[in-house]
N, C-alpha and C. Protein backbone atom coordinates (compact mmCIF):
# COMPACT_ATOMS: atom_id res chain seq x y z
N MET A 1 118.84 109.45 81.87
CA MET A 1 117.78 108.85 82.68
C MET A 1 118.42 108.26 83.93
N THR A 2 117.78 108.49 85.06
CA THR A 2 118.28 108.02 86.33
C THR A 2 117.87 106.57 86.56
N ASP A 3 118.73 105.77 87.19
CA ASP A 3 118.39 104.40 87.55
C ASP A 3 117.37 104.44 88.68
N THR A 4 116.17 103.96 88.42
CA THR A 4 115.11 104.00 89.42
C THR A 4 114.84 102.64 90.04
N THR A 5 115.58 101.61 89.63
CA THR A 5 115.31 100.26 90.13
C THR A 5 116.12 99.92 91.37
N THR A 6 117.23 100.62 91.59
CA THR A 6 118.11 100.34 92.72
C THR A 6 117.87 101.37 93.82
N PRO A 7 117.58 100.92 95.06
CA PRO A 7 117.41 101.90 96.14
C PRO A 7 118.68 102.76 96.29
N ARG A 8 118.47 104.03 96.51
CA ARG A 8 119.60 104.95 96.61
C ARG A 8 120.00 105.18 98.05
N GLU A 9 121.28 105.40 98.24
CA GLU A 9 121.81 105.79 99.54
C GLU A 9 122.50 107.13 99.36
N HIS A 10 122.33 108.00 100.33
CA HIS A 10 122.94 109.33 100.27
C HIS A 10 124.26 109.30 101.04
N PRO A 11 125.28 110.03 100.57
CA PRO A 11 126.57 110.06 101.28
C PRO A 11 126.46 110.50 102.75
N SER A 12 125.44 111.28 103.07
CA SER A 12 125.26 111.75 104.45
C SER A 12 124.78 110.64 105.37
N GLY A 13 124.27 109.55 104.78
CA GLY A 13 123.67 108.48 105.59
C GLY A 13 122.21 108.73 105.91
N LEU A 14 121.71 109.92 105.59
CA LEU A 14 120.31 110.24 105.84
C LEU A 14 119.41 109.49 104.85
N PRO A 15 118.22 109.09 105.29
CA PRO A 15 117.30 108.40 104.38
C PRO A 15 116.60 109.40 103.45
N TYR A 16 115.85 108.85 102.51
CA TYR A 16 115.01 109.64 101.62
C TYR A 16 113.58 109.59 102.13
N ARG A 17 112.91 110.73 102.12
CA ARG A 17 111.53 110.82 102.59
C ARG A 17 110.61 110.18 101.55
N PRO A 18 109.76 109.21 101.96
CA PRO A 18 108.84 108.58 101.01
C PRO A 18 107.68 109.53 100.67
N CYS A 19 107.49 109.76 99.38
CA CYS A 19 106.50 110.73 98.92
C CYS A 19 105.84 110.28 97.62
N VAL A 20 104.87 111.06 97.21
CA VAL A 20 104.24 110.90 95.90
C VAL A 20 104.32 112.24 95.17
N GLY A 21 104.17 112.16 93.86
CA GLY A 21 104.05 113.35 93.03
C GLY A 21 102.93 113.14 92.03
N ILE A 22 102.34 114.23 91.58
CA ILE A 22 101.17 114.15 90.71
C ILE A 22 101.36 115.03 89.48
N ILE A 23 101.22 114.41 88.32
CA ILE A 23 101.13 115.14 87.06
C ILE A 23 99.64 115.21 86.75
N LEU A 24 99.03 116.37 87.03
CA LEU A 24 97.59 116.56 86.84
C LEU A 24 97.38 117.25 85.50
N VAL A 25 96.70 116.54 84.57
CA VAL A 25 96.53 117.02 83.21
C VAL A 25 95.07 117.39 82.98
N ASN A 26 94.85 118.62 82.47
CA ASN A 26 93.47 119.06 82.21
C ASN A 26 93.03 118.64 80.81
N ALA A 27 91.80 119.00 80.44
CA ALA A 27 91.22 118.58 79.16
C ALA A 27 91.99 119.13 77.96
N GLU A 28 92.74 120.22 78.15
CA GLU A 28 93.53 120.82 77.07
C GLU A 28 94.94 120.23 77.00
N GLY A 29 95.25 119.26 77.87
CA GLY A 29 96.56 118.63 77.86
C GLY A 29 97.62 119.42 78.61
N LYS A 30 97.20 120.41 79.38
CA LYS A 30 98.16 121.20 80.18
C LYS A 30 98.22 120.64 81.59
N VAL A 31 99.34 120.94 82.27
CA VAL A 31 99.64 120.37 83.58
C VAL A 31 99.55 121.44 84.67
N PHE A 32 98.99 121.06 85.82
CA PHE A 32 98.90 121.96 86.97
C PHE A 32 100.28 122.15 87.59
N VAL A 33 100.64 123.41 87.86
CA VAL A 33 101.82 123.74 88.64
C VAL A 33 101.46 124.81 89.65
N GLY A 34 102.13 124.76 90.79
CA GLY A 34 101.94 125.76 91.82
C GLY A 34 103.27 126.37 92.22
N GLN A 35 103.19 127.59 92.71
CA GLN A 35 104.38 128.28 93.20
C GLN A 35 104.32 128.21 94.73
N ARG A 36 105.34 127.61 95.33
CA ARG A 36 105.33 127.38 96.78
C ARG A 36 105.30 128.69 97.56
N LEU A 37 104.56 128.67 98.66
CA LEU A 37 104.50 129.82 99.56
C LEU A 37 105.85 130.12 100.19
N ASP A 38 106.61 129.07 100.51
CA ASP A 38 107.86 129.25 101.25
C ASP A 38 109.09 129.42 100.37
N SER A 39 108.89 129.67 99.08
CA SER A 39 110.03 129.82 98.18
C SER A 39 110.15 131.25 97.68
N LYS A 40 111.37 131.73 97.66
CA LYS A 40 111.64 133.05 97.10
C LYS A 40 111.99 132.96 95.62
N LEU A 41 112.17 131.74 95.13
CA LEU A 41 112.49 131.51 93.72
C LEU A 41 111.24 131.62 92.86
N GLU A 42 111.43 131.86 91.60
CA GLU A 42 110.33 131.89 90.65
C GLU A 42 110.01 130.48 90.14
N ALA A 43 110.32 129.48 90.92
CA ALA A 43 110.13 128.09 90.51
C ALA A 43 108.68 127.65 90.74
N TRP A 44 108.27 126.70 89.94
CA TRP A 44 106.94 126.11 90.02
C TRP A 44 107.11 124.61 90.20
N GLN A 45 106.14 123.98 90.83
CA GLN A 45 106.21 122.53 91.00
C GLN A 45 104.84 121.91 90.87
N MET A 46 104.85 120.62 90.61
CA MET A 46 103.62 119.85 90.59
C MET A 46 103.31 119.43 92.02
N PRO A 47 102.04 119.12 92.32
CA PRO A 47 101.70 118.70 93.69
C PRO A 47 102.49 117.45 94.09
N GLN A 48 102.87 117.42 95.34
CA GLN A 48 103.59 116.27 95.89
C GLN A 48 103.43 116.30 97.41
N GLY A 49 103.72 115.18 98.05
CA GLY A 49 103.64 115.16 99.50
C GLY A 49 104.01 113.82 100.09
N GLY A 50 104.21 113.82 101.39
CA GLY A 50 104.69 112.66 102.11
C GLY A 50 103.65 111.58 102.32
N ILE A 51 104.14 110.35 102.27
CA ILE A 51 103.30 109.18 102.52
C ILE A 51 103.27 108.93 104.02
N ASP A 52 102.08 108.86 104.58
CA ASP A 52 101.93 108.55 106.00
C ASP A 52 102.19 107.07 106.25
N PRO A 53 102.66 106.70 107.45
CA PRO A 53 102.90 105.28 107.75
C PRO A 53 101.65 104.44 107.47
N GLY A 54 101.84 103.34 106.73
CA GLY A 54 100.75 102.43 106.41
C GLY A 54 99.87 102.87 105.26
N GLU A 55 100.13 104.04 104.67
CA GLU A 55 99.31 104.57 103.59
C GLU A 55 99.83 104.09 102.23
N GLU A 56 98.93 103.74 101.35
CA GLU A 56 99.30 103.35 99.99
C GLU A 56 99.60 104.60 99.17
N PRO A 57 100.59 104.53 98.26
CA PRO A 57 100.92 105.71 97.46
C PRO A 57 99.74 106.33 96.70
N ALA A 58 98.86 105.53 96.11
CA ALA A 58 97.73 106.09 95.37
C ALA A 58 96.79 106.86 96.30
N THR A 59 96.59 106.34 97.50
CA THR A 59 95.76 107.03 98.49
C THR A 59 96.41 108.35 98.88
N THR A 60 97.73 108.31 99.07
CA THR A 60 98.47 109.53 99.39
C THR A 60 98.31 110.55 98.28
N ALA A 61 98.43 110.11 97.04
CA ALA A 61 98.35 111.03 95.90
C ALA A 61 97.00 111.76 95.89
N LEU A 62 95.92 111.03 96.10
CA LEU A 62 94.60 111.67 96.12
C LEU A 62 94.46 112.62 97.32
N ARG A 63 94.98 112.21 98.47
CA ARG A 63 94.92 113.06 99.67
C ARG A 63 95.73 114.33 99.47
N GLU A 64 96.97 114.17 99.01
CA GLU A 64 97.84 115.33 98.82
C GLU A 64 97.29 116.28 97.77
N LEU A 65 96.73 115.74 96.70
CA LEU A 65 96.15 116.60 95.68
C LEU A 65 95.05 117.48 96.28
N GLU A 66 94.18 116.87 97.08
CA GLU A 66 93.11 117.65 97.70
C GLU A 66 93.66 118.64 98.72
N GLU A 67 94.64 118.21 99.53
CA GLU A 67 95.20 119.11 100.54
C GLU A 67 95.89 120.32 99.93
N GLU A 68 96.55 120.14 98.78
CA GLU A 68 97.32 121.22 98.18
C GLU A 68 96.54 122.06 97.17
N THR A 69 95.53 121.46 96.53
CA THR A 69 94.82 122.17 95.46
C THR A 69 93.32 122.33 95.70
N GLY A 70 92.79 121.64 96.70
CA GLY A 70 91.36 121.67 96.95
C GLY A 70 90.57 120.79 96.00
N ILE A 71 91.23 120.12 95.07
CA ILE A 71 90.55 119.28 94.08
C ILE A 71 90.12 117.97 94.72
N LYS A 72 88.84 117.70 94.67
CA LYS A 72 88.26 116.49 95.26
C LYS A 72 88.61 115.25 94.43
N PRO A 73 88.81 114.10 95.09
CA PRO A 73 89.19 112.87 94.38
C PRO A 73 88.24 112.46 93.25
N HIS A 74 86.94 112.75 93.39
CA HIS A 74 86.01 112.34 92.33
C HIS A 74 86.19 113.14 91.03
N LEU A 75 87.00 114.19 91.07
CA LEU A 75 87.24 115.02 89.88
C LEU A 75 88.49 114.61 89.10
N VAL A 76 89.14 113.52 89.54
CA VAL A 76 90.34 113.05 88.85
C VAL A 76 90.24 111.56 88.58
N GLU A 77 91.03 111.13 87.61
CA GLU A 77 91.15 109.71 87.31
C GLU A 77 92.63 109.40 87.21
N ILE A 78 93.08 108.42 88.00
CA ILE A 78 94.48 107.99 87.92
C ILE A 78 94.64 107.20 86.63
N GLU A 79 95.52 107.69 85.75
CA GLU A 79 95.74 107.05 84.45
C GLU A 79 97.01 106.20 84.42
N ALA A 80 98.01 106.58 85.22
CA ALA A 80 99.28 105.85 85.19
C ALA A 80 100.05 106.11 86.47
N GLU A 81 100.94 105.16 86.78
CA GLU A 81 101.81 105.25 87.97
C GLU A 81 103.21 104.80 87.56
N THR A 82 104.22 105.47 88.08
CA THR A 82 105.58 105.02 87.79
C THR A 82 105.79 103.64 88.42
N PRO A 83 106.43 102.73 87.68
CA PRO A 83 106.63 101.39 88.23
C PRO A 83 107.68 101.35 89.34
N HIS A 84 108.57 102.34 89.35
CA HIS A 84 109.66 102.38 90.32
C HIS A 84 109.65 103.70 91.07
N TRP A 85 110.45 103.76 92.11
CA TRP A 85 110.64 105.00 92.87
C TRP A 85 111.61 105.91 92.11
N HIS A 86 111.35 107.19 92.19
CA HIS A 86 112.25 108.21 91.62
C HIS A 86 112.78 109.04 92.78
N TYR A 87 114.03 109.48 92.66
CA TYR A 87 114.70 110.17 93.76
C TYR A 87 115.16 111.56 93.36
N TYR A 88 115.21 112.45 94.38
CA TYR A 88 115.99 113.67 94.20
C TYR A 88 116.70 113.98 95.50
N ASP A 89 117.89 114.58 95.36
CA ASP A 89 118.69 115.00 96.51
C ASP A 89 118.49 116.48 96.75
N LEU A 90 118.42 116.86 98.02
CA LEU A 90 118.45 118.27 98.36
C LEU A 90 119.84 118.82 98.08
N PRO A 91 119.95 120.09 97.73
CA PRO A 91 121.29 120.68 97.62
C PRO A 91 122.01 120.58 98.97
N ASP A 92 123.34 120.49 98.94
CA ASP A 92 124.12 120.31 100.17
C ASP A 92 123.78 121.33 101.24
N ASP A 93 123.55 122.58 100.85
CA ASP A 93 123.26 123.61 101.86
C ASP A 93 121.87 123.47 102.48
N MET A 94 121.02 122.61 101.93
CA MET A 94 119.68 122.39 102.47
C MET A 94 119.58 121.11 103.31
N VAL A 95 120.51 120.17 103.07
CA VAL A 95 120.51 118.93 103.87
C VAL A 95 120.79 119.32 105.31
N GLY A 96 120.00 118.80 106.21
CA GLY A 96 120.18 119.13 107.62
C GLY A 96 119.32 120.30 108.08
N THR A 97 118.65 120.99 107.13
CA THR A 97 117.78 122.10 107.53
C THR A 97 116.32 121.86 107.15
N ILE A 98 116.09 121.31 105.96
CA ILE A 98 114.73 121.00 105.52
C ILE A 98 114.26 119.73 106.24
N TRP A 99 112.98 119.64 106.55
CA TRP A 99 112.38 118.48 107.24
C TRP A 99 113.13 118.17 108.54
N LYS A 100 113.51 119.24 109.23
CA LYS A 100 114.20 119.13 110.53
C LYS A 100 115.48 118.29 110.44
N GLY A 101 116.09 118.27 109.26
CA GLY A 101 117.36 117.59 109.09
C GLY A 101 117.28 116.08 109.03
N ARG A 102 116.07 115.51 108.88
CA ARG A 102 115.92 114.05 108.93
C ARG A 102 116.12 113.35 107.60
N TYR A 103 116.09 114.09 106.47
CA TYR A 103 116.14 113.46 105.15
C TYR A 103 117.14 114.15 104.23
N ALA A 104 117.68 113.36 103.30
CA ALA A 104 118.63 113.88 102.31
C ALA A 104 117.91 114.34 101.04
N GLY A 105 116.67 113.94 100.91
CA GLY A 105 115.88 114.24 99.72
C GLY A 105 114.60 113.42 99.78
N GLN A 106 114.05 113.13 98.62
CA GLN A 106 112.82 112.36 98.58
C GLN A 106 112.93 111.20 97.60
N ARG A 107 112.19 110.13 97.93
CA ARG A 107 111.95 109.05 96.97
C ARG A 107 110.46 109.09 96.71
N GLN A 108 110.10 109.12 95.44
CA GLN A 108 108.71 109.40 95.09
C GLN A 108 108.15 108.39 94.08
N LYS A 109 106.88 108.07 94.29
CA LYS A 109 106.06 107.38 93.30
C LYS A 109 105.25 108.49 92.63
N TRP A 110 105.18 108.47 91.32
CA TRP A 110 104.48 109.51 90.58
C TRP A 110 103.25 108.94 89.89
N PHE A 111 102.22 109.78 89.82
CA PHE A 111 100.94 109.43 89.21
C PHE A 111 100.57 110.48 88.18
N ARG A 112 100.11 110.02 87.01
CA ARG A 112 99.49 110.93 86.05
C ARG A 112 97.98 110.81 86.24
N MET A 113 97.34 111.95 86.43
CA MET A 113 95.90 111.98 86.64
C MET A 113 95.24 112.90 85.64
N ALA A 114 94.07 112.50 85.17
CA ALA A 114 93.24 113.33 84.30
C ALA A 114 92.31 114.14 85.19
N PHE A 115 92.28 115.45 84.98
CA PHE A 115 91.41 116.36 85.73
C PHE A 115 90.09 116.48 84.99
N ARG A 116 89.00 116.14 85.66
CA ARG A 116 87.67 116.16 85.04
C ARG A 116 86.84 117.37 85.49
N GLY A 117 87.44 118.24 86.27
CA GLY A 117 86.71 119.40 86.77
C GLY A 117 86.98 120.65 85.95
N THR A 118 86.71 121.80 86.57
CA THR A 118 86.96 123.10 85.95
C THR A 118 87.88 123.90 86.86
N ASP A 119 88.36 125.02 86.36
CA ASP A 119 89.24 125.87 87.16
C ASP A 119 88.56 126.30 88.47
N ALA A 120 87.26 126.38 88.47
CA ALA A 120 86.53 126.76 89.69
C ALA A 120 86.66 125.71 90.79
N ASP A 121 87.05 124.49 90.43
CA ASP A 121 87.24 123.41 91.40
C ASP A 121 88.61 123.47 92.08
N VAL A 122 89.49 124.34 91.61
CA VAL A 122 90.82 124.50 92.19
C VAL A 122 90.75 125.59 93.26
N ALA A 123 91.23 125.25 94.46
CA ALA A 123 91.21 126.21 95.58
C ALA A 123 92.49 126.02 96.39
N ILE A 124 93.52 126.81 96.10
CA ILE A 124 94.80 126.66 96.80
C ILE A 124 94.79 127.30 98.18
N ASP A 125 93.71 127.99 98.52
CA ASP A 125 93.58 128.58 99.87
C ASP A 125 93.03 127.53 100.83
N THR A 126 93.76 126.44 100.95
CA THR A 126 93.38 125.30 101.78
C THR A 126 93.72 125.59 103.25
N PRO A 127 93.28 124.74 104.19
CA PRO A 127 93.60 124.98 105.61
C PRO A 127 95.10 125.07 105.90
N HIS A 128 95.92 124.34 105.14
CA HIS A 128 97.38 124.40 105.28
C HIS A 128 97.97 124.66 103.89
N PRO A 129 97.87 125.90 103.41
CA PRO A 129 98.27 126.19 102.03
C PRO A 129 99.75 125.94 101.77
N GLU A 130 100.02 125.45 100.56
CA GLU A 130 101.39 125.22 100.10
C GLU A 130 101.76 126.17 98.97
N PHE A 131 100.76 126.60 98.20
CA PHE A 131 101.02 127.41 97.01
C PHE A 131 100.49 128.83 97.17
N LYS A 132 101.22 129.79 96.58
CA LYS A 132 100.76 131.19 96.56
C LYS A 132 100.14 131.54 95.22
N ALA A 133 100.38 130.71 94.21
CA ALA A 133 99.82 130.91 92.87
C ALA A 133 99.78 129.56 92.17
N TRP A 134 98.95 129.46 91.14
CA TRP A 134 98.88 128.25 90.34
C TRP A 134 98.53 128.60 88.91
N ARG A 135 98.81 127.66 88.01
CA ARG A 135 98.46 127.83 86.60
C ARG A 135 98.56 126.49 85.89
N TRP A 136 98.04 126.45 84.67
CA TRP A 136 98.20 125.31 83.78
C TRP A 136 99.34 125.64 82.83
N THR A 137 100.19 124.66 82.55
CA THR A 137 101.34 124.89 81.67
C THR A 137 101.54 123.70 80.75
N ALA A 138 102.23 123.94 79.66
CA ALA A 138 102.54 122.86 78.72
C ALA A 138 103.53 121.89 79.35
N ILE A 139 103.37 120.62 79.06
CA ILE A 139 104.26 119.58 79.61
C ILE A 139 105.72 119.88 79.29
N ASP A 140 105.98 120.40 78.09
CA ASP A 140 107.38 120.63 77.71
C ASP A 140 108.03 121.82 78.41
N THR A 141 107.30 122.52 79.27
CA THR A 141 107.90 123.62 80.05
C THR A 141 108.17 123.23 81.50
N LEU A 142 107.72 122.04 81.92
CA LEU A 142 107.80 121.66 83.33
C LEU A 142 109.22 121.62 83.88
N VAL A 143 110.14 121.07 83.13
CA VAL A 143 111.52 120.93 83.61
C VAL A 143 112.14 122.30 83.84
N GLU A 144 111.99 123.21 82.90
CA GLU A 144 112.60 124.54 83.05
C GLU A 144 111.94 125.37 84.15
N LEU A 145 110.70 125.08 84.50
CA LEU A 145 110.01 125.82 85.56
C LEU A 145 110.41 125.37 86.96
N ALA A 146 110.95 124.16 87.07
CA ALA A 146 111.27 123.56 88.38
C ALA A 146 112.55 124.14 88.96
N VAL A 147 112.69 124.00 90.28
CA VAL A 147 113.95 124.35 90.92
C VAL A 147 115.04 123.44 90.34
N PRO A 148 116.26 123.93 90.23
CA PRO A 148 117.31 123.13 89.57
C PRO A 148 117.48 121.72 90.13
N PHE A 149 117.36 121.53 91.44
CA PHE A 149 117.61 120.20 92.00
C PHE A 149 116.49 119.19 91.73
N LYS A 150 115.36 119.63 91.15
CA LYS A 150 114.29 118.71 90.79
C LYS A 150 114.19 118.49 89.28
N ARG A 151 115.02 119.14 88.50
CA ARG A 151 114.87 119.08 87.05
C ARG A 151 115.09 117.69 86.47
N ASP A 152 116.12 116.97 86.92
CA ASP A 152 116.34 115.61 86.42
C ASP A 152 115.17 114.70 86.79
N LEU A 153 114.67 114.83 88.01
CA LEU A 153 113.51 114.06 88.45
C LEU A 153 112.33 114.33 87.54
N TYR A 154 112.04 115.61 87.29
CA TYR A 154 110.91 115.96 86.43
C TYR A 154 111.08 115.36 85.02
N ALA A 155 112.27 115.45 84.47
CA ALA A 155 112.51 114.88 83.15
C ALA A 155 112.25 113.37 83.15
N ASP A 156 112.69 112.69 84.21
CA ASP A 156 112.49 111.24 84.32
C ASP A 156 111.02 110.86 84.41
N VAL A 157 110.26 111.55 85.26
CA VAL A 157 108.86 111.16 85.45
C VAL A 157 108.00 111.56 84.24
N ILE A 158 108.35 112.65 83.59
CA ILE A 158 107.64 113.01 82.37
C ILE A 158 107.89 111.96 81.30
N ALA A 159 109.14 111.51 81.17
CA ALA A 159 109.45 110.45 80.20
C ALA A 159 108.70 109.16 80.53
N ALA A 160 108.58 108.86 81.82
CA ALA A 160 107.90 107.62 82.24
C ALA A 160 106.39 107.67 82.06
N LEU A 161 105.79 108.83 82.26
CA LEU A 161 104.33 108.91 82.31
C LEU A 161 103.66 109.67 81.17
N CYS A 162 104.41 110.43 80.40
CA CYS A 162 103.78 111.32 79.43
C CYS A 162 104.28 111.16 78.00
N ARG A 163 105.07 110.18 77.72
CA ARG A 163 105.60 110.03 76.35
C ARG A 163 105.04 108.80 75.69
């Protein structure tokens, strides 16, 4: 388990991008994952996104969920939030290229949300699409589906919000 109580510093001196992540659970207990448009890997991820200046993390989570999945806020219920920030580092070869080289990785607040809608309420063909495909998956498959550099983060947030 990663220490989430102490702010992290990256050896590069670059800051961590403030973000949120969402564990969206449907009525069958499965979790939403999407396959990024810009990835050549067979990796899947849960919705996540950057916090705008002055925006509260819960507000960001609802906004990002709608922007990435088309799911309207009234179709979800926030059930839990991580008490601390969770971090991940970009691989060394990606630092300096992703996010115009401004960040070493992300620091994230995570939310578990209950999905009260149907599959027809999911629309990844949003104005600024992030995913090329989506599906519901068992919670115990999330870590293995993620890109390697997010696997520890996923294990930590699943332990914090789903156990």
